[in-house]
Amino acid sequence: MADDVRLSAGTAELTIAPGDGAALHSLTIDGTELLRQDPGTGCFVMAPWAGRLGYGRLTVGDRTYHLPIDNPPHSIHGTARDGAWEVLSASATEATLRHRLADPWPFAGTVTQTCALTGDGLTLTMRITTDHDPFPAQGGWHPWFLRDIPPATGPLELEIHPAWQYERGPDYLPTGRHIPPTPPPWDDCFGMPGGVEARLTWPGFLVLTITSPVTDVVVWTLPEESLSVEAQSGPPNGLNTAPRMVTPDAPLDVRVDWSWQHTRER
């Protein structure tokens, strides 16, 4: 699209779409696309919550708010991915975009995202602020990495070693119990108290490492075409069960780093 922001560093190229929730529409290395391309994929911002918000209900103090149910019976992945974003600054390798939180989110605030690209990595940072009233918030990113890409000699491989898995109830919300990680397939949240770290390998082509200071990550292996590793600042429904309050003096800052290296001589 005409308003897309394009960054370039070395053989890496990144496309950001302000008109589509500031999603990353494309990340190519050596001209090879790593992200799924159908609508709603790529890599989108999750804010002011990540994952499922149970039954669309948000309770703050003695008041309960009702958010639209877009993943029945829950609300999912926040409102920022559906809203308008403004480009605050853009250079050849870095861009900062801003989204004003508005209805249906019941609190006035701002989400700011910065994307910084180098020849061997991408850093994504997010800050969530409030105009005045405190509110609980989470942030994260939902990438859709392609499983099969032309230069690779086999499908995408995932290496991750979480400390625990959040037990998932029949309604797909955490029950409150931590259990030993089960074998995939997964649509599950995991705890990594030392920070998120995961390695994705396209054999014969590229190794991409995901790291973040946050301690929760959702891994979604069910789509045949793609794999998602979603570093986020709290578990599903965490706005209600483990709220991290944003106040005028305490914004929420979230960061994730993707770094890559080739697995063969170039």
Protein backbone atom coordinates (compact mmCIF):
# COMPACT_ATOMS: atom_id res chain seq x y z
CA MET A 1 0.00 0.00 0.00
CA ALA A 2 1.06 3.58 -0.64
CA ASP A 3 1.33 4.47 3.05
CA ASP A 4 3.48 1.45 3.97
CA VAL A 5 6.79 2.15 5.70
CA ARG A 6 9.73 0.22 4.30
CA LEU A 7 13.01 -0.35 6.14
CA SER A 8 16.17 -1.89 4.71
CA ALA A 9 19.48 -3.01 6.23
CA GLY A 10 21.94 -5.34 4.56
CA THR A 11 19.89 -8.04 2.83
CA ALA A 12 16.94 -7.57 5.22
CA GLU A 13 13.81 -5.64 4.23
CA LEU A 14 10.82 -4.90 6.46
CA THR A 15 7.39 -3.52 5.51
CA ILE A 16 5.16 -1.92 8.17
CA ALA A 17 1.52 -1.08 7.43
CA PRO A 18 0.19 1.91 9.45
CA GLY A 19 -3.19 1.45 7.77
CA ASP A 20 -3.42 -2.16 8.97
CA GLY A 21 -2.79 -1.80 12.69
CA ALA A 22 0.96 -1.14 12.22
CA ALA A 23 1.37 -4.82 11.37
CA LEU A 24 4.57 -6.11 9.82
CA HIS A 25 3.37 -7.15 6.39
CA SER A 26 6.70 -8.52 5.22
CA LEU A 27 10.17 -9.49 6.43
CA THR A 28 12.53 -10.73 3.76
CA ILE A 29 16.10 -11.97 4.10
CA ASP A 30 18.07 -12.31 0.86
CA GLY A 31 14.77 -11.69 -0.93
CA THR A 32 13.06 -14.64 0.83
CA GLU A 33 9.82 -13.94 2.70
CA LEU A 34 9.66 -15.26 6.27
CA LEU A 35 6.12 -14.14 7.19
CA ARG A 36 2.78 -15.45 6.04
CA GLN A 37 1.04 -13.04 3.67
CA ASP A 38 -2.74 -13.59 3.85
CA PRO A 39 -4.89 -10.92 5.53
CA GLY A 40 -4.56 -10.81 9.30
CA THR A 41 -1.19 -12.57 9.35
CA GLY A 42 2.34 -11.16 8.94
CA CYS A 43 3.11 -9.99 12.48
CA PHE A 44 0.64 -7.82 14.36
CA VAL A 45 0.70 -5.85 17.59
CA MET A 46 -1.19 -7.26 20.56
CA ALA A 47 -2.29 -4.40 22.87
CA PRO A 48 -3.66 -3.38 25.28
CA TRP A 49 -3.96 -7.09 25.97
CA ALA A 50 -2.53 -10.25 24.45
CA GLY A 51 -4.30 -13.53 23.79
CA ARG A 52 -7.79 -14.22 25.09
CA LEU A 53 -9.67 -11.89 27.42
CA GLY A 54 -12.14 -14.22 29.12
CA TYR A 55 -15.70 -13.77 27.83
CA GLY A 56 -14.85 -10.20 26.85
CA ARG A 57 -15.01 -9.09 30.48
CA LEU A 58 -12.53 -6.68 32.05
CA THR A 59 -12.90 -5.95 35.75
CA VAL A 60 -11.09 -2.94 37.19
CA GLY A 61 -11.88 -2.14 40.80
CA ASP A 62 -15.61 -2.44 41.32
CA ARG A 63 -16.52 -1.98 37.66
CA THR A 64 -16.78 -4.56 34.86
CA TYR A 65 -16.41 -3.57 31.21
CA HIS A 66 -17.52 -5.63 28.21
CA LEU A 67 -15.34 -5.84 25.11
CA PRO A 68 -16.51 -7.12 21.70
CA ILE A 69 -16.44 -10.90 21.34
CA ASP A 70 -14.27 -11.51 18.27
CA ASN A 71 -13.06 -15.02 19.12
CA PRO A 72 -16.19 -16.59 20.65
CA PRO A 73 -16.71 -16.80 23.52
CA HIS A 74 -13.78 -14.45 24.18
CA SER A 75 -12.16 -11.22 23.02
CA ILE A 76 -8.68 -11.72 21.60
CA HIS A 77 -5.41 -9.85 20.99
CA GLY A 78 -6.49 -6.33 21.94
CA THR A 79 -7.86 -3.44 19.92
CA ALA A 80 -4.68 -1.81 18.59
CA ARG A 81 -4.40 -4.18 15.62
CA ASP A 82 -7.74 -2.87 14.31
CA GLY A 83 -7.08 0.84 14.89
CA ALA A 84 -5.43 3.71 13.07
CA TRP A 85 -1.72 4.35 13.55
CA GLU A 86 0.28 7.51 12.93
CA VAL A 87 3.89 7.47 11.74
CA LEU A 88 5.89 9.62 14.16
CA SER A 89 9.27 9.12 12.50
CA ALA A 90 10.87 6.92 9.87
CA SER A 91 14.42 6.50 8.58
CA ALA A 92 16.00 3.88 6.37
CA THR A 93 16.33 1.45 9.28
CA GLU A 94 13.93 2.56 12.05
CA ALA A 95 10.32 3.66 12.38
CA THR A 96 8.11 4.73 15.28
CA LEU A 97 4.31 4.62 15.09
CA ARG A 98 1.58 5.63 17.53
CA HIS A 99 -1.97 4.48 18.19
CA ARG A 100 -4.48 6.27 20.38
CA LEU A 101 -6.54 3.85 22.46
CA ALA A 102 -10.23 4.50 21.96
CA ASP A 103 -13.66 2.85 22.05
CA PRO A 104 -14.25 -0.05 22.64
CA TRP A 105 -11.27 0.12 25.02
CA PRO A 106 -12.65 2.07 28.00
CA PHE A 107 -9.51 3.99 28.99
CA ALA A 108 -7.70 6.85 27.24
CA GLY A 109 -4.09 6.06 26.44
CA THR A 110 -1.49 5.46 23.76
CA VAL A 111 0.41 2.53 22.28
CA THR A 112 3.75 3.38 20.64
CA GLN A 113 5.70 0.85 18.58
CA THR A 114 9.27 1.19 17.32
CA CYS A 115 10.81 -1.17 14.76
CA ALA A 116 14.60 -1.09 14.39
CA LEU A 117 16.16 -3.20 11.63
CA THR A 118 19.79 -4.24 11.17
CA GLY A 119 21.42 -6.62 8.74
CA ASP A 120 21.11 -9.47 11.22
CA GLY A 121 18.21 -8.58 13.45
CA LEU A 122 15.00 -6.76 14.27
CA THR A 123 14.12 -5.13 17.58
CA LEU A 124 10.47 -4.41 18.36
CA THR A 125 9.61 -2.19 21.32
CA MET A 126 6.25 -1.09 22.63
CA ARG A 127 5.17 1.42 25.27
CA ILE A 128 1.62 1.63 26.62
CA THR A 129 0.71 4.79 28.52
CA THR A 130 -2.42 6.21 30.11
CA ASP A 131 -3.70 9.76 29.81
CA HIS A 132 -4.89 9.79 33.42
CA ASP A 133 -6.85 6.78 34.79
CA PRO A 134 -4.86 3.65 35.70
CA PHE A 135 -5.72 0.51 33.74
CA PRO A 136 -4.34 -3.03 33.40
CA ALA A 137 -2.47 -3.75 30.17
CA GLN A 138 -0.43 -6.31 28.30
CA GLY A 139 1.61 -6.08 25.13
CA GLY A 140 3.23 -8.42 22.65
CA TRP A 141 3.54 -9.44 19.01
CA HIS A 142 1.91 -12.23 17.02
CA PRO A 143 4.16 -13.35 14.15
CA TRP A 144 3.14 -15.94 11.57
CA PHE A 145 6.38 -17.56 10.38
CA LEU A 146 6.14 -19.59 7.19
CA ARG A 147 6.96 -23.26 7.64
CA ASP A 148 8.24 -23.86 4.11
CA ILE A 149 10.39 -21.38 2.20
CA PRO A 150 12.19 -22.01 -1.09
CA PRO A 151 15.87 -21.88 0.01
CA ALA A 152 15.38 -24.23 2.97
CA THR A 153 16.00 -27.95 2.67
CA GLY A 154 13.14 -28.84 5.01
CA PRO A 155 10.25 -27.35 7.01
CA LEU A 156 10.67 -24.96 9.91
CA GLU A 157 11.95 -26.46 13.18
CA LEU A 158 11.25 -25.01 16.64
CA GLU A 159 13.46 -25.30 19.72
CA ILE A 160 12.06 -23.94 23.00
CA HIS A 161 12.53 -25.02 26.62
CA PRO A 162 9.84 -23.49 28.88
CA ALA A 163 9.81 -24.06 32.63
CA TRP A 164 6.09 -24.78 32.66
CA GLN A 165 2.91 -24.74 30.66
CA TYR A 166 -0.22 -22.93 31.80
CA GLU A 167 -2.88 -25.61 32.10
CA ARG A 168 -5.63 -24.73 29.64
CA GLY A 169 -9.25 -25.32 30.55
CA PRO A 170 -11.96 -26.40 28.10
CA ASP A 171 -12.69 -22.70 27.51
CA TYR A 172 -9.04 -22.16 26.45
CA LEU A 173 -8.32 -19.96 29.49
CA PRO A 174 -5.60 -20.83 32.03
CA THR A 175 -6.95 -22.74 35.02
CA GLY A 176 -4.34 -21.26 37.37
CA ARG A 177 -2.24 -24.44 37.46
CA HIS A 178 1.29 -24.81 36.08
CA ILE A 179 1.98 -28.20 34.51
CA PRO A 180 5.02 -29.78 32.83
CA PRO A 181 5.15 -28.87 29.13
CA THR A 182 3.20 -31.33 27.02
CA PRO A 183 4.23 -32.41 23.51
CA PRO A 184 2.85 -30.36 20.59
CA PRO A 185 0.49 -29.57 18.90
CA TRP A 186 0.10 -26.37 20.89
CA ASP A 187 -2.19 -23.43 21.24
CA ASP A 188 -0.79 -22.80 24.69
CA CYS A 189 0.98 -20.32 26.93
CA PHE A 190 4.29 -21.21 28.58
CA GLY A 191 6.30 -19.68 31.40
CA MET A 192 9.98 -18.83 30.97
CA PRO A 193 11.00 -17.03 34.19
CA GLY A 194 14.47 -16.20 32.86
CA GLY A 195 13.01 -14.49 29.78
CA VAL A 196 11.65 -15.85 26.53
CA GLU A 197 14.07 -17.61 24.20
CA ALA A 198 13.16 -19.69 21.17
CA ARG A 199 15.07 -20.81 18.11
CA LEU A 200 13.49 -21.28 14.69
CA THR A 201 15.52 -23.08 12.04
CA TRP A 202 14.85 -23.32 8.33
CA PRO A 203 17.34 -26.12 7.54
CA GLY A 204 20.04 -25.17 5.10
CA PHE A 205 19.05 -21.50 5.13
CA LEU A 206 18.50 -19.55 8.34
CA VAL A 207 18.34 -19.71 12.13
CA LEU A 208 16.16 -17.04 13.78
CA THR A 209 16.37 -16.58 17.55
CA ILE A 210 13.59 -14.85 19.49
CA THR A 211 14.49 -13.33 22.86
CA SER A 212 12.57 -11.07 25.22
CA PRO A 213 12.70 -10.00 28.88
CA VAL A 214 9.03 -10.96 29.24
CA THR A 215 8.38 -14.31 30.86
CA ASP A 216 5.32 -15.56 28.97
CA VAL A 217 5.07 -16.89 25.44
CA VAL A 218 2.23 -18.42 23.46
CA VAL A 219 3.19 -21.03 20.87
CA TRP A 220 0.65 -21.88 18.18
CA THR A 221 1.58 -24.85 16.01
CA LEU A 222 -1.83 -25.76 14.58
CA PRO A 223 -1.83 -23.93 11.21
CA GLU A 224 -0.34 -26.10 8.46
CA GLU A 225 1.32 -23.15 6.71
CA SER A 226 2.74 -21.20 9.63
CA LEU A 227 4.06 -21.26 13.19
CA SER A 228 3.57 -18.53 15.80
CA VAL A 229 5.85 -17.74 18.77
CA GLU A 230 4.20 -14.87 20.62
CA ALA A 231 6.29 -13.21 23.35
CA GLN A 232 3.89 -11.25 25.54
CA SER A 233 3.90 -9.51 28.91
CA GLY A 234 1.37 -11.77 30.62
CA PRO A 235 -0.72 -14.92 30.21
CA PRO A 236 -4.13 -15.13 28.54
CA ASN A 237 -6.82 -13.37 30.59
CA GLY A 238 -4.00 -11.85 32.62
CA LEU A 239 -5.73 -8.46 32.72
CA ASN A 240 -8.13 -10.08 35.18
CA THR A 241 -5.97 -12.69 36.89
CA ALA A 242 -2.56 -10.98 37.14
CA PRO A 243 -3.08 -7.31 36.22
CA ARG A 244 -0.09 -5.10 35.53
CA MET A 245 -1.43 -1.59 36.08
CA VAL A 246 -0.38 1.26 33.80
CA THR A 247 -0.35 4.60 35.60
CA PRO A 248 0.81 8.08 34.56
CA ASP A 249 4.11 7.35 36.34
CA ALA A 250 4.47 3.72 35.26
CA PRO A 251 4.02 2.93 31.56
CA LEU A 252 4.27 -0.64 30.31
CA ASP A 253 7.35 -1.31 28.18
CA VAL A 254 7.67 -4.50 26.14
CA ARG A 255 10.53 -5.60 23.90
CA VAL A 256 11.32 -8.55 21.68
CA ASP A 257 14.45 -9.18 19.60
CA TRP A 258 14.71 -11.35 16.52
CA SER A 259 18.24 -12.16 15.42
CA TRP A 260 19.24 -14.36 12.53
CA GLN A 261 22.21 -16.05 10.96
CA HIS A 262 22.62 -18.16 7.87
CA THR A 263 23.20 -21.87 8.33
CA ARG A 264 25.44 -22.20 5.30
CA GLU A 265 28.14 -20.20 3.58
CA ARG A 266 26.79 -17.30 1.55
